[in-house]
Amino acid sequence: MTDSSPAQVFAAHLLATLAKAGVRNFFLAPGARSQALAIAAGQLASAGKIDLHVRLDERSLGFTALGSALASGEPSVIITTSGTAVANLHPAVLEASHSGVPLILLTADRPHELRGVGANQTTNQVGIFADAVRECFDVVAPNGHDREFAEAAQLAADAIAISLGYDGEQPGPVQLNLAFREPLSALTPNAAELKPTLQLPEIVESVPEFAVLTAEVPTVVIAGAGSGDDAVELAEAFGWPLFAEPSSGARSGANAILGYRNLLDTDGPRAELAGRIGRAIVFGKPTLGRAAIKLLFNENVEVVVVRSPVMGHFDVSRRAGQPVDEISVDQEVDFEWLEAWRRADAEHASANPSTAELDRRNLVEKVWQATDGQDRLVLGASRLIREADVWAPAKAVRVFSNRGLAGIDGTVATAAGISLVSTEGITRVLLGDLTLLHDAGSLAIDATEPEPNLQVIVGNDGGGSIFSSLEMAKTLDEITFTRLFKTPQQVDLWHLAQAYGWAYARVDTLGQLDEALTKLGRILIDVRL
C-alpha cells in the first residue's frame, strides 16, 4: 500500500459524495481490484457516516442490498471486485430492475489497456447487465488530476438521481464500472474527512393522467405487488371490491375480498357474479392468480391500469389504454355490487373452515396473526405465497416479496437486508424448503453486525410440491414427474442451522408453531408439512 494512489483519491471522493447525499447503506464483498473502494467505505463507516455490511458471496450480497433498499426506499451501494464477482450480481440486478428498486453498483475493473488481452479476472463488464441497469457508466482509470474530484462527485449525483427515477423513469439499478490502475490503494485521503461539492438534479414532475369512469359499470380493483395503500383508498372511496395479492401491501380494509381466486372461477358456484364484472382497475404487478389474469383477457372487461411508481408498465393482455394516475367517477356507485361480493366471500369462508391440523392454511394464518406493529413479513416465491393469496386475512402487515421476476433467488438474503434497516420488531420470511436451500449461503451473517430478530419459517414438504397443481403433473407418470420437477430433498435443517450459528425449532403442531413465532434472534423454524 503506497502513500499516493489515484485510485484511492478517486474512490474516496466518490464514496464521500454518496455519503454526503445521505446514502447510508453500503454493501461490500472483499476483493483486490476494489480495495480502494473498500478502504474508503471502511473510513466512512468508522466515522459513523455510513453503515457498511460485508458478505463473502456477491450473489447473496446483491439480494441483501436489494432487501435494504426495499425496506428503506433509498439506494443501496454495492461494491465488488472484477470478473465473476460482477456476474454474480445479475439475479439481484434483474429483480431490482423489474421491481423498481434503487441500487448503485460500483464494479471495479481493469484499466482499458488490460481488457481483451487475457488479464486475470477480466471480462467485458460493460453491458454485462444489458438493459437491466438504467445506465452503465464505464469510468476510465483515474490519473490523479484535480478535475477528477468534480467528475467523481458528478458521477455520484448522477447515480443517485437515475437510481431513484429523478428523470421521471422507473427507479432501478445503475452501474458505475470503475477502472483502476496500480497502485490500487493507499491510506490517504481519508474519505471521512473530505467535503465534496454536491448538486443533485431536480426531480422531473410528470403531468398526471386523469380518467373519469362511468360509475354504472361493475368494477373490481386488482392489487398486485407494489400497489400499497393507493389501491385500498380507491376501492374504499368508490365502493368497489378489492382483490389484493398478499405481497401487494393492499390486503386490508373492509373492501378486501379474500376468496377472490375461487370466486372468479367461471365454472364455480359464483360464476354469475364473476360474469357481471365489466371493468378491472389494476394496481402494481399481479402475477399470482390465473383467474385474475384471465379476467384481464376477457374482451367484455374494460382494463384500466394505474401507473406504478416502481413496478413499471403492466398490461399483459395489451388491452389497457394509456396508464392513468388518478381516477374519478361520474356519479355515485351502486354499493349493492360490493355487498354481493362481501356476501359471496363470507359464504366461501363458511364453506371452507380451517382445521385443527398443521397445514399450509394454518401456517399462513398463524404467521399473519403473529405479525404486528413494526414486524415485517417476507414471502418467498413458492407454494406458500399462493396459499397466502387464498388464506391470508385482511390485515395491515408490512409485506415484502421479490415479485419483479418472482424467482426464488436470494429470499433469505432479501429478508436479511430488510432486517438490517428495520431493526424494530421481528422480520419473518415464509418460504418453502427448496427456496431456503437455493439461498442457504445467505444464512452466513457478518459476525460484527448486531444480532437481528430474523425468523426463517420453512414450510418443509420435502420438495417442490408447487408443481403438483400444474399440467404436467397430470400427464407424466409419478416417477418421471418427481425426478424432473419435485426435486425431492432430505436435507437435515437442524444441522444446516447449526452450521451457520442459527437457533432451530422443529414444528409438528400448531402449539409448537405459536411458541416458535415468539422467539427472538436468528432462528430457523422447520415446519413439517
Protein backbone atom coordinates (compact mmCIF):
# COMPACT_ATOMS: atom_id res chain seq x y z
CA MET A 1 0.00 0.00 0.00
CA THR A 2 1.58 3.31 -1.09
CA ASP A 3 1.21 6.89 0.12
CA SER A 4 -0.17 8.04 -3.23
CA SER A 5 -2.78 6.30 -5.32
CA PRO A 6 -5.05 7.98 -7.90
CA ALA A 7 -7.39 5.02 -7.41
CA GLN A 8 -7.70 5.80 -3.70
CA VAL A 9 -8.19 9.52 -4.29
CA PHE A 10 -10.97 8.92 -6.78
CA ALA A 11 -12.67 6.24 -4.67
CA ALA A 12 -12.54 8.45 -1.57
CA HIS A 13 -14.19 11.40 -3.36
CA LEU A 14 -16.83 9.19 -5.00
CA LEU A 15 -17.90 7.49 -1.77
CA ALA A 16 -17.68 10.70 0.27
CA THR A 17 -20.10 12.33 -2.16
CA LEU A 18 -22.53 9.42 -1.93
CA ALA A 19 -22.39 9.68 1.86
CA LYS A 20 -22.89 13.45 1.79
CA ALA A 21 -26.03 12.93 -0.29
CA GLY A 22 -27.44 10.80 2.51
CA VAL A 23 -26.87 7.36 1.03
CA ARG A 24 -26.49 5.23 4.11
CA ASN A 25 -26.29 1.53 3.32
CA PHE A 26 -23.16 0.17 1.64
CA PHE A 27 -22.57 -3.50 0.87
CA LEU A 28 -19.10 -4.93 0.27
CA ALA A 29 -17.73 -8.25 -0.94
CA PRO A 30 -13.93 -8.10 -0.46
CA GLY A 31 -11.61 -8.23 -3.45
CA ALA A 32 -8.28 -6.94 -4.71
CA ARG A 33 -9.26 -4.69 -7.63
CA SER A 34 -11.89 -2.96 -5.46
CA GLN A 35 -9.62 -2.35 -2.47
CA ALA A 36 -9.64 1.45 -2.80
CA LEU A 37 -13.45 1.42 -2.62
CA ALA A 38 -13.34 -0.91 0.38
CA ILE A 39 -10.88 1.29 2.27
CA ALA A 40 -12.93 4.42 1.59
CA ALA A 41 -16.10 2.65 2.72
CA GLY A 42 -14.34 1.49 5.88
CA GLN A 43 -13.21 5.03 6.67
CA LEU A 44 -16.72 6.41 6.27
CA ALA A 45 -18.18 3.60 8.37
CA SER A 46 -15.66 4.15 11.16
CA ALA A 47 -16.68 7.81 11.25
CA GLY A 48 -20.36 6.85 11.50
CA LYS A 49 -21.22 8.40 8.13
CA ILE A 50 -22.44 5.16 6.51
CA ASP A 51 -23.50 1.66 7.54
CA LEU A 52 -21.20 -0.92 5.98
CA HIS A 53 -22.25 -4.57 5.57
CA VAL A 54 -19.75 -7.21 4.44
CA ARG A 55 -20.66 -10.52 2.79
CA LEU A 56 -18.44 -13.17 1.24
CA ASP A 57 -20.77 -14.08 -1.66
CA GLU A 58 -21.70 -11.44 -4.23
CA ARG A 59 -24.94 -13.17 -5.17
CA SER A 60 -26.11 -13.05 -1.57
CA LEU A 61 -24.67 -9.54 -1.24
CA GLY A 62 -26.80 -8.29 -4.12
CA PHE A 63 -30.06 -9.55 -2.64
CA THR A 64 -29.15 -8.29 0.83
CA ALA A 65 -28.64 -4.84 -0.66
CA LEU A 66 -31.92 -5.21 -2.54
CA GLY A 67 -33.77 -6.03 0.68
CA SER A 68 -32.27 -2.99 2.37
CA ALA A 69 -33.40 -0.73 -0.47
CA LEU A 70 -36.86 -2.33 -0.49
CA ALA A 71 -37.36 -1.53 3.18
CA SER A 72 -35.80 1.94 3.21
CA GLY A 73 -36.77 3.24 -0.24
CA GLU A 74 -33.21 4.58 -0.53
CA PRO A 75 -30.41 3.39 -2.82
CA SER A 76 -28.10 0.66 -1.62
CA VAL A 77 -24.48 0.85 -2.78
CA ILE A 78 -22.83 -2.45 -3.79
CA ILE A 79 -19.05 -2.78 -4.08
CA THR A 80 -17.46 -5.72 -5.89
CA THR A 81 -14.18 -6.66 -7.46
CA SER A 82 -13.89 -7.63 -11.13
CA GLY A 83 -14.78 -10.76 -13.10
CA THR A 84 -17.30 -13.33 -11.90
CA ALA A 85 -17.91 -11.20 -8.81
CA VAL A 86 -19.81 -8.79 -11.05
CA ALA A 87 -21.70 -11.57 -12.84
CA ASN A 88 -22.94 -12.93 -9.52
CA LEU A 89 -24.94 -9.72 -9.02
CA HIS A 90 -27.04 -10.40 -12.10
CA PRO A 91 -30.05 -12.12 -10.45
CA ALA A 92 -30.45 -9.31 -7.91
CA VAL A 93 -29.96 -6.67 -10.62
CA LEU A 94 -32.69 -8.26 -12.73
CA GLU A 95 -35.10 -8.35 -9.80
CA ALA A 96 -34.29 -4.74 -8.89
CA SER A 97 -34.82 -3.66 -12.48
CA HIS A 98 -38.24 -5.24 -12.79
CA SER A 99 -39.45 -4.13 -9.35
CA GLY A 100 -38.04 -0.60 -9.38
CA VAL A 101 -35.53 -0.97 -6.54
CA PRO A 102 -32.70 1.62 -6.46
CA LEU A 103 -29.22 0.07 -6.46
CA ILE A 104 -25.85 1.69 -7.21
CA LEU A 105 -23.31 -0.87 -8.42
CA LEU A 106 -19.64 0.04 -8.03
CA THR A 107 -17.94 -2.69 -10.06
CA ALA A 108 -14.15 -2.49 -10.06
CA ASP A 109 -12.40 -3.31 -13.35
CA ARG A 110 -9.02 -3.44 -15.05
CA PRO A 111 -7.97 -0.34 -16.97
CA HIS A 112 -8.81 -0.29 -20.66
CA GLU A 113 -5.33 -1.35 -21.80
CA LEU A 114 -5.70 -4.64 -19.86
CA ARG A 115 -9.07 -5.57 -21.31
CA GLY A 116 -9.32 -8.16 -24.06
CA VAL A 117 -5.75 -9.38 -23.60
CA GLY A 118 -6.35 -12.22 -21.13
CA ALA A 119 -5.58 -10.33 -17.92
CA ASN A 120 -6.55 -12.19 -14.77
CA GLN A 121 -10.18 -11.82 -13.59
CA THR A 122 -11.02 -9.65 -16.59
CA THR A 123 -14.11 -9.93 -18.75
CA ASN A 124 -16.35 -7.45 -20.52
CA GLN A 125 -18.19 -5.82 -17.62
CA VAL A 126 -19.60 -3.03 -19.76
CA GLY A 127 -23.04 -4.15 -20.79
CA ILE A 128 -22.87 -7.30 -18.67
CA PHE A 129 -26.31 -6.43 -17.25
CA ALA A 130 -27.70 -5.33 -20.64
CA ASP A 131 -30.89 -3.30 -20.21
CA ALA A 132 -31.37 -4.42 -16.60
CA VAL A 133 -29.48 -1.32 -15.48
CA ARG A 134 -30.89 2.14 -16.09
CA GLU A 135 -27.42 3.37 -17.05
CA CYS A 136 -23.90 1.93 -17.26
CA PHE A 137 -21.02 4.39 -16.86
CA ASP A 138 -17.65 2.99 -17.97
CA VAL A 139 -15.27 5.19 -15.99
CA VAL A 140 -11.66 5.40 -17.17
CA ALA A 141 -8.89 4.76 -14.68
CA PRO A 142 -8.04 7.95 -12.74
CA ASN A 143 -4.62 9.57 -13.15
CA GLY A 144 -4.68 11.95 -10.19
CA HIS A 145 -5.81 15.14 -11.98
CA ASP A 146 -7.70 17.69 -9.88
CA ARG A 147 -10.65 17.64 -12.30
CA GLU A 148 -11.31 14.05 -11.28
CA PHE A 149 -12.65 15.27 -7.91
CA ALA A 150 -15.53 17.02 -9.68
CA GLU A 151 -16.00 14.06 -12.02
CA ALA A 152 -16.35 11.70 -9.05
CA ALA A 153 -18.90 13.99 -7.40
CA GLN A 154 -20.89 14.28 -10.62
CA LEU A 155 -20.90 10.50 -11.07
CA ALA A 156 -22.27 10.09 -7.54
CA ALA A 157 -25.01 12.66 -8.16
CA ASP A 158 -25.97 11.08 -11.50
CA ALA A 159 -26.08 7.58 -9.98
CA ILE A 160 -28.36 8.68 -7.15
CA ALA A 161 -30.70 10.62 -9.41
CA ILE A 162 -31.05 7.86 -12.02
CA SER A 163 -31.46 5.07 -9.46
CA LEU A 164 -34.29 6.98 -7.78
CA GLY A 165 -36.00 7.93 -11.03
CA TYR A 166 -35.50 11.69 -10.75
CA ASP A 167 -35.81 11.81 -14.55
CA GLY A 168 -39.37 10.51 -14.34
CA GLU A 169 -38.41 6.97 -15.30
CA GLN A 170 -38.80 3.83 -13.17
CA PRO A 171 -36.24 3.61 -10.34
CA GLY A 172 -33.71 0.81 -10.59
CA PRO A 173 -30.05 -0.23 -10.72
CA VAL A 174 -27.20 1.96 -12.03
CA GLN A 175 -23.72 0.61 -12.75
CA LEU A 176 -20.51 2.59 -12.33
CA ASN A 177 -17.83 0.36 -13.87
CA LEU A 178 -14.67 1.75 -12.31
CA ALA A 179 -11.28 1.06 -13.89
CA PHE A 180 -8.30 1.24 -11.52
CA ARG A 181 -4.56 1.06 -12.18
CA GLU A 182 -1.90 0.12 -9.68
CA PRO A 183 -1.15 1.25 -7.06
CA LEU A 184 -4.64 0.14 -6.19
CA SER A 185 -4.93 1.72 -2.75
CA ALA A 186 -3.46 3.94 -0.05
CA LEU A 187 -4.39 5.12 3.42
CA THR A 188 -4.92 8.68 2.23
CA PRO A 189 -7.01 10.60 1.63
CA ASN A 190 -9.42 9.70 4.42
CA ALA A 191 -12.86 9.69 2.77
CA ALA A 192 -14.49 10.69 6.06
CA GLU A 193 -12.52 13.96 6.13
CA LEU A 194 -13.40 15.10 2.60
CA LYS A 195 -16.00 17.79 1.97
CA PRO A 196 -17.10 17.26 -1.64
CA THR A 197 -19.41 19.61 -3.50
CA LEU A 198 -22.74 18.01 -4.33
CA GLN A 199 -25.58 19.19 -6.53
CA LEU A 200 -28.41 16.79 -7.23
CA PRO A 201 -30.66 17.49 -10.22
CA GLU A 202 -34.27 18.47 -9.66
CA ILE A 203 -36.92 15.78 -9.80
CA VAL A 204 -38.86 15.79 -13.05
CA GLU A 205 -42.56 16.04 -12.24
CA SER A 206 -44.63 14.25 -14.87
CA VAL A 207 -48.04 15.55 -15.87
CA PRO A 208 -50.62 13.23 -14.26
CA GLU A 209 -53.14 11.43 -16.43
CA PHE A 210 -56.73 11.56 -15.15
CA ALA A 211 -59.55 9.18 -16.02
CA VAL A 212 -63.25 9.80 -15.40
CA LEU A 213 -65.03 6.45 -15.41
CA THR A 214 -68.69 5.56 -15.75
CA ALA A 215 -69.93 4.51 -12.31
CA GLU A 216 -72.58 2.14 -13.63
CA VAL A 217 -70.02 -0.39 -14.92
CA PRO A 218 -69.50 -3.18 -12.32
CA THR A 219 -65.86 -2.66 -11.36
CA VAL A 220 -63.25 -4.57 -9.36
CA VAL A 221 -59.82 -3.41 -8.19
CA ILE A 222 -56.93 -5.85 -8.65
CA ALA A 223 -53.88 -5.12 -6.49
CA GLY A 224 -50.60 -6.82 -7.36
CA ALA A 225 -47.12 -6.40 -5.93
CA GLY A 226 -46.19 -2.78 -5.29
CA SER A 227 -49.76 -1.48 -5.02
CA GLY A 228 -49.69 -0.13 -1.47
CA ASP A 229 -52.39 1.93 0.17
CA ASP A 230 -53.47 3.59 -3.09
CA ALA A 231 -55.42 0.51 -4.15
CA VAL A 232 -57.18 0.32 -0.78
CA GLU A 233 -58.07 4.01 -0.86
CA LEU A 234 -59.50 3.84 -4.37
CA ALA A 235 -61.58 0.74 -3.67
CA GLU A 236 -62.99 2.22 -0.47
CA ALA A 237 -63.57 5.66 -1.99
CA PHE A 238 -65.87 4.29 -4.70
CA GLY A 239 -67.21 1.13 -3.07
CA TRP A 240 -65.53 -1.43 -5.32
CA PRO A 241 -64.42 -4.96 -4.37
CA LEU A 242 -60.66 -5.26 -3.82
CA PHE A 243 -58.77 -8.37 -4.99
CA ALA A 244 -55.39 -7.95 -3.29
CA GLU A 245 -52.46 -10.33 -3.52
CA PRO A 246 -50.61 -10.89 -0.22
CA SER A 247 -47.49 -9.08 -1.46
CA SER A 248 -49.46 -6.05 -2.66
CA GLY A 249 -49.42 -4.08 0.59
CA ALA A 250 -53.15 -3.61 -0.04
CA ARG A 251 -54.67 -6.70 1.57
CA SER A 252 -56.54 -4.78 4.24
CA GLY A 253 -59.69 -2.80 4.80
CA ALA A 254 -63.40 -3.55 4.54
CA ASN A 255 -63.42 -3.98 0.75
CA ALA A 256 -60.86 -6.80 0.58
CA ILE A 257 -62.41 -9.95 -0.91
CA LEU A 258 -60.16 -12.71 0.41
CA GLY A 259 -61.61 -15.61 -1.57
CA TYR A 260 -61.43 -13.85 -4.91
CA ARG A 261 -59.35 -16.59 -6.56
CA ASN A 262 -62.13 -19.13 -6.09
CA LEU A 263 -64.94 -16.63 -6.64
CA LEU A 264 -63.52 -15.77 -10.07
CA ASP A 265 -63.76 -19.42 -11.14
CA THR A 266 -66.09 -19.29 -14.13
CA ASP A 267 -67.10 -22.91 -13.51
CA GLY A 268 -67.71 -22.39 -9.80
CA PRO A 269 -70.89 -21.64 -7.84
CA ARG A 270 -70.35 -17.90 -8.15
CA ALA A 271 -69.82 -17.84 -11.90
CA GLU A 272 -72.78 -15.50 -12.38
CA LEU A 273 -71.29 -12.86 -10.08
CA ALA A 274 -67.87 -13.06 -11.73
CA GLY A 275 -69.53 -12.87 -15.15
CA ARG A 276 -71.02 -9.48 -14.31
CA ILE A 277 -67.60 -7.82 -14.00
CA GLY A 278 -67.34 -5.10 -16.63
CA ARG A 279 -64.16 -3.33 -15.60
CA ALA A 280 -60.90 -4.19 -13.83
CA ILE A 281 -58.65 -1.48 -12.40
CA VAL A 282 -55.11 -2.78 -11.97
CA PHE A 283 -52.53 -1.57 -9.47
CA GLY A 284 -48.95 -2.86 -9.30
CA LYS A 285 -47.99 -6.20 -10.81
CA PRO A 286 -50.47 -9.03 -10.20
CA THR A 287 -48.87 -12.37 -11.03
CA LEU A 288 -50.17 -15.00 -8.59
CA GLY A 289 -53.66 -15.95 -9.70
CA ARG A 290 -54.53 -17.35 -13.13
CA ALA A 291 -58.18 -16.40 -12.64
CA ALA A 292 -57.35 -12.72 -12.15
CA ILE A 293 -55.05 -12.68 -15.18
CA LYS A 294 -57.69 -14.49 -17.24
CA LEU A 295 -60.12 -11.72 -16.34
CA LEU A 296 -57.83 -9.17 -17.99
CA PHE A 297 -58.02 -11.11 -21.28
CA ASN A 298 -61.83 -11.13 -21.24
CA GLU A 299 -62.93 -8.89 -24.11
CA ASN A 300 -66.07 -7.96 -22.18
CA VAL A 301 -64.00 -6.46 -19.37
CA GLU A 302 -62.52 -2.97 -19.68
CA VAL A 303 -58.96 -2.82 -18.35
CA VAL A 304 -57.62 0.32 -16.67
CA VAL A 305 -54.02 0.32 -15.44
CA VAL A 306 -52.91 2.75 -12.75
CA ARG A 307 -49.31 3.82 -13.27
CA SER A 308 -46.95 2.22 -10.75
CA PRO A 309 -44.06 4.31 -9.45
CA VAL A 310 -41.91 1.21 -9.01
CA MET A 311 -43.17 -1.89 -10.85
CA GLY A 312 -43.19 -0.43 -14.33
CA HIS A 313 -45.83 -0.85 -17.02
CA PHE A 314 -48.17 -3.84 -16.58
CA ASP A 315 -50.57 -4.75 -19.38
CA VAL A 316 -50.26 -8.48 -20.08
CA SER A 317 -53.44 -8.57 -22.16
CA ARG A 318 -52.42 -5.49 -24.18
CA ARG A 319 -55.95 -4.20 -23.74
CA ALA A 320 -55.38 -1.23 -21.46
CA GLY A 321 -55.15 2.28 -22.83
CA GLN A 322 -52.64 4.82 -21.58
CA PRO A 323 -51.77 4.28 -17.90
CA VAL A 324 -53.55 6.70 -15.60
CA ASP A 325 -52.54 8.35 -12.34
CA GLU A 326 -55.87 9.47 -10.89
CA ILE A 327 -59.38 8.06 -11.22
CA SER A 328 -62.78 9.57 -10.55
CA VAL A 329 -66.33 8.52 -11.42
CA ASP A 330 -69.17 10.44 -13.00
CA GLN A 331 -71.79 9.58 -10.36
CA GLU A 332 -72.47 7.51 -7.24
CA VAL A 333 -71.54 3.82 -7.39
CA ASP A 334 -74.20 1.24 -6.55
CA PHE A 335 -72.98 -0.27 -3.27
CA GLU A 336 -75.05 -3.41 -3.82
CA TRP A 337 -72.24 -4.57 -6.12
CA LEU A 338 -69.78 -4.54 -3.24
CA GLU A 339 -72.29 -6.14 -0.87
CA ALA A 340 -72.83 -9.01 -3.30
CA TRP A 341 -69.10 -9.75 -3.27
CA ARG A 342 -68.97 -9.47 0.52
CA ARG A 343 -71.78 -12.00 0.88
CA ALA A 344 -70.11 -14.36 -1.56
CA ASP A 345 -66.82 -14.02 0.29
CA ALA A 346 -68.47 -14.75 3.64
CA GLU A 347 -70.20 -17.83 2.21
CA HIS A 348 -66.89 -19.03 0.76
CA ALA A 349 -65.20 -18.67 4.14
CA SER A 350 -68.05 -20.50 5.91
CA ALA A 351 -67.88 -23.34 3.41
CA ASN A 352 -64.12 -23.73 3.95
CA PRO A 353 -63.47 -23.73 7.71
CA SER A 354 -59.94 -24.24 8.95
CA THR A 355 -58.96 -27.45 10.73
CA ALA A 356 -57.01 -28.09 13.89
CA GLU A 357 -54.22 -29.73 11.89
CA LEU A 358 -50.89 -28.17 11.00
CA ASP A 359 -51.31 -27.49 7.29
CA ARG A 360 -50.37 -24.73 4.87
CA ARG A 361 -53.51 -22.73 5.56
CA ASN A 362 -52.95 -22.71 9.31
CA LEU A 363 -49.28 -21.91 8.80
CA VAL A 364 -50.22 -18.83 6.76
CA GLU A 365 -52.90 -17.73 9.21
CA LYS A 366 -50.65 -18.18 12.25
CA VAL A 367 -47.80 -16.20 10.67
CA TRP A 368 -50.18 -13.35 9.78
CA GLN A 369 -51.67 -13.44 13.27
CA ALA A 370 -48.21 -13.17 14.87
CA THR A 371 -47.04 -10.29 12.66
CA ASP A 372 -47.95 -6.87 14.07
CA GLY A 373 -46.72 -3.33 14.57
CA GLN A 374 -43.10 -2.94 13.49
CA ASP A 375 -42.80 -6.55 12.29
CA ARG A 376 -42.07 -7.33 8.65
CA LEU A 377 -43.05 -10.35 6.58
CA VAL A 378 -41.13 -11.57 3.53
CA LEU A 379 -42.77 -14.12 1.23
CA GLY A 380 -40.73 -16.48 -0.92
CA ALA A 381 -41.79 -17.32 -4.46
CA SER A 382 -43.01 -20.80 -3.63
CA ARG A 383 -46.29 -22.56 -2.96
CA LEU A 384 -46.80 -20.73 0.32
CA ILE A 385 -47.29 -17.31 -1.26
CA ARG A 386 -50.11 -18.83 -3.32
CA GLU A 387 -51.59 -20.35 -0.18
CA ALA A 388 -51.38 -16.89 1.36
CA ASP A 389 -53.27 -15.50 -1.62
CA VAL A 390 -56.14 -17.80 -0.63
CA TRP A 391 -56.00 -17.76 3.16
CA ALA A 392 -54.16 -14.68 4.43
CA PRO A 393 -56.58 -12.44 6.36
CA ALA A 394 -57.26 -8.79 5.64
CA LYS A 395 -54.69 -7.13 7.87
CA ALA A 396 -52.29 -4.21 7.50
CA VAL A 397 -48.96 -6.04 7.54
CA ARG A 398 -45.68 -4.80 6.07
CA VAL A 399 -45.22 -7.48 3.43
CA PHE A 400 -42.28 -7.78 1.02
CA SER A 401 -41.66 -10.20 -1.81
CA ASN A 402 -39.44 -10.30 -4.88
CA ARG A 403 -42.24 -10.22 -7.44
CA GLY A 404 -40.40 -8.31 -10.17
CA LEU A 405 -39.36 -11.63 -11.69
CA ALA A 406 -40.89 -13.85 -8.99
CA GLY A 407 -37.80 -16.04 -8.68
CA ILE A 408 -36.78 -18.00 -5.60
CA ASP A 409 -33.31 -16.45 -5.76
CA GLY A 410 -31.99 -14.63 -2.72
CA THR A 411 -35.06 -14.85 -0.50
CA VAL A 412 -33.11 -15.32 2.74
CA ALA A 413 -30.69 -12.56 1.73
CA THR A 414 -33.55 -10.19 0.92
CA ALA A 415 -35.05 -10.77 4.36
CA ALA A 416 -31.65 -10.25 5.97
CA GLY A 417 -31.30 -6.94 4.14
CA ILE A 418 -34.72 -5.83 5.33
CA SER A 419 -33.80 -6.70 8.91
CA LEU A 420 -30.68 -4.53 8.66
CA VAL A 421 -32.66 -1.31 8.17
CA SER A 422 -35.84 -2.25 10.04
CA THR A 423 -34.46 -3.15 13.44
CA GLU A 424 -37.67 -2.77 15.47
CA GLY A 425 -39.85 -5.85 15.80
CA ILE A 426 -39.27 -9.15 14.00
CA THR A 427 -38.55 -9.86 10.35
CA ARG A 428 -40.18 -13.12 9.31
CA VAL A 429 -39.57 -14.85 6.00
CA LEU A 430 -42.07 -17.54 4.97
CA LEU A 431 -40.71 -19.84 2.28
CA GLY A 432 -40.54 -23.41 1.03
CA ASP A 433 -37.70 -25.83 1.66
CA LEU A 434 -36.30 -25.57 -1.88
CA THR A 435 -36.36 -21.77 -1.70
CA LEU A 436 -34.35 -21.97 1.52
CA LEU A 437 -31.80 -24.40 0.09
CA HIS A 438 -31.42 -22.28 -3.04
CA ASP A 439 -30.17 -19.47 -0.80
CA ALA A 440 -28.72 -21.38 2.15
CA GLY A 441 -25.42 -19.49 1.88
CA SER A 442 -27.21 -16.31 2.93
CA LEU A 443 -27.59 -17.76 6.42
CA ALA A 444 -23.99 -16.57 6.87
CA ILE A 445 -24.29 -13.24 8.70
CA ASP A 446 -21.41 -10.81 9.34
CA ALA A 447 -20.37 -11.51 12.94
CA THR A 448 -19.62 -7.81 13.51
CA GLU A 449 -23.24 -6.79 12.88
CA PRO A 450 -25.86 -6.59 15.65
CA GLU A 451 -27.87 -9.78 16.08
CA PRO A 452 -31.09 -9.43 14.04
CA ASN A 453 -34.52 -10.65 15.05
CA LEU A 454 -34.94 -12.79 11.96
CA GLN A 455 -37.18 -15.84 11.66
CA VAL A 456 -36.76 -18.11 8.64
CA ILE A 457 -40.01 -20.11 8.58
CA VAL A 458 -39.73 -23.11 6.27
CA GLY A 459 -42.79 -24.99 5.02
CA ASN A 460 -40.93 -28.27 4.70
CA ASP A 461 -42.73 -30.75 2.46
CA GLY A 462 -39.61 -32.43 1.09
CA GLY A 463 -39.56 -30.85 -2.36
CA GLY A 464 -41.31 -28.75 -4.97
CA SER A 465 -44.97 -29.51 -4.30
CA ILE A 466 -45.90 -26.29 -6.12
CA PHE A 467 -45.61 -28.15 -9.42
CA SER A 468 -48.31 -30.64 -8.42
CA SER A 469 -51.00 -28.18 -9.46
CA LEU A 470 -49.64 -27.67 -12.98
CA GLU A 471 -50.49 -29.51 -16.19
CA MET A 472 -47.51 -31.85 -16.36
CA ALA A 473 -48.41 -33.43 -13.01
CA LYS A 474 -51.46 -34.92 -14.73
CA THR A 475 -49.66 -36.09 -17.87
CA LEU A 476 -46.39 -37.55 -16.53
CA ASP A 477 -46.03 -40.74 -14.54
CA GLU A 478 -45.18 -40.24 -10.87
CA ILE A 479 -41.54 -41.32 -11.11
CA THR A 480 -40.79 -39.04 -14.07
CA PHE A 481 -42.70 -36.13 -12.55
CA THR A 482 -40.87 -36.45 -9.24
CA ARG A 483 -37.47 -36.58 -10.87
CA LEU A 484 -37.98 -33.72 -13.32
CA PHE A 485 -39.99 -31.29 -11.18
CA LYS A 486 -40.39 -32.06 -7.48
CA THR A 487 -36.66 -32.13 -6.67
CA PRO A 488 -37.17 -34.18 -3.51
CA GLN A 489 -34.76 -33.29 -0.71
CA GLN A 490 -33.83 -34.75 2.67
CA VAL A 491 -31.52 -32.04 3.99
CA ASP A 492 -31.25 -32.02 7.77
CA LEU A 493 -32.22 -28.42 8.53
CA TRP A 494 -31.11 -28.76 12.15
CA HIS A 495 -27.54 -29.38 11.03
CA LEU A 496 -27.83 -26.58 8.48
CA ALA A 497 -28.90 -24.15 11.21
CA GLN A 498 -26.12 -25.35 13.49
CA ALA A 499 -23.50 -24.89 10.77
CA TYR A 500 -24.43 -21.22 10.34
CA GLY A 501 -24.97 -20.46 14.05
CA TRP A 502 -28.77 -20.18 13.97
CA ALA A 503 -31.19 -21.40 16.59
CA TYR A 504 -33.51 -24.16 15.36
CA ALA A 505 -37.07 -25.21 16.14
CA ARG A 506 -38.85 -28.20 14.66
CA VAL A 507 -42.61 -27.68 14.42
CA ASP A 508 -45.08 -30.56 14.16
CA THR A 509 -48.11 -29.00 15.89
CA LEU A 510 -49.92 -25.67 15.95
CA GLY A 511 -48.92 -25.16 19.57
CA GLN A 512 -45.25 -25.57 18.70
CA LEU A 513 -45.70 -23.08 15.86
CA ASP A 514 -47.25 -20.48 18.20
CA GLU A 515 -44.29 -20.85 20.55
CA ALA A 516 -41.67 -20.68 17.79
CA LEU A 517 -43.14 -17.46 16.37
CA THR A 518 -42.37 -15.65 19.64
CA LYS A 519 -38.63 -16.38 19.52
CA LEU A 520 -36.14 -13.54 19.13
CA GLY A 521 -32.71 -13.59 17.50
CA ARG A 522 -31.86 -15.70 14.44
CA ILE A 523 -33.97 -18.84 14.27
CA LEU A 524 -34.77 -21.36 11.56
CA ILE A 525 -38.29 -22.73 12.11
CA ASP A 526 -38.72 -26.09 10.38
CA VAL A 527 -42.46 -26.61 9.85
CA ARG A 528 -43.14 -30.21 8.82
CA LEU A 529 -46.00 -30.38 6.32
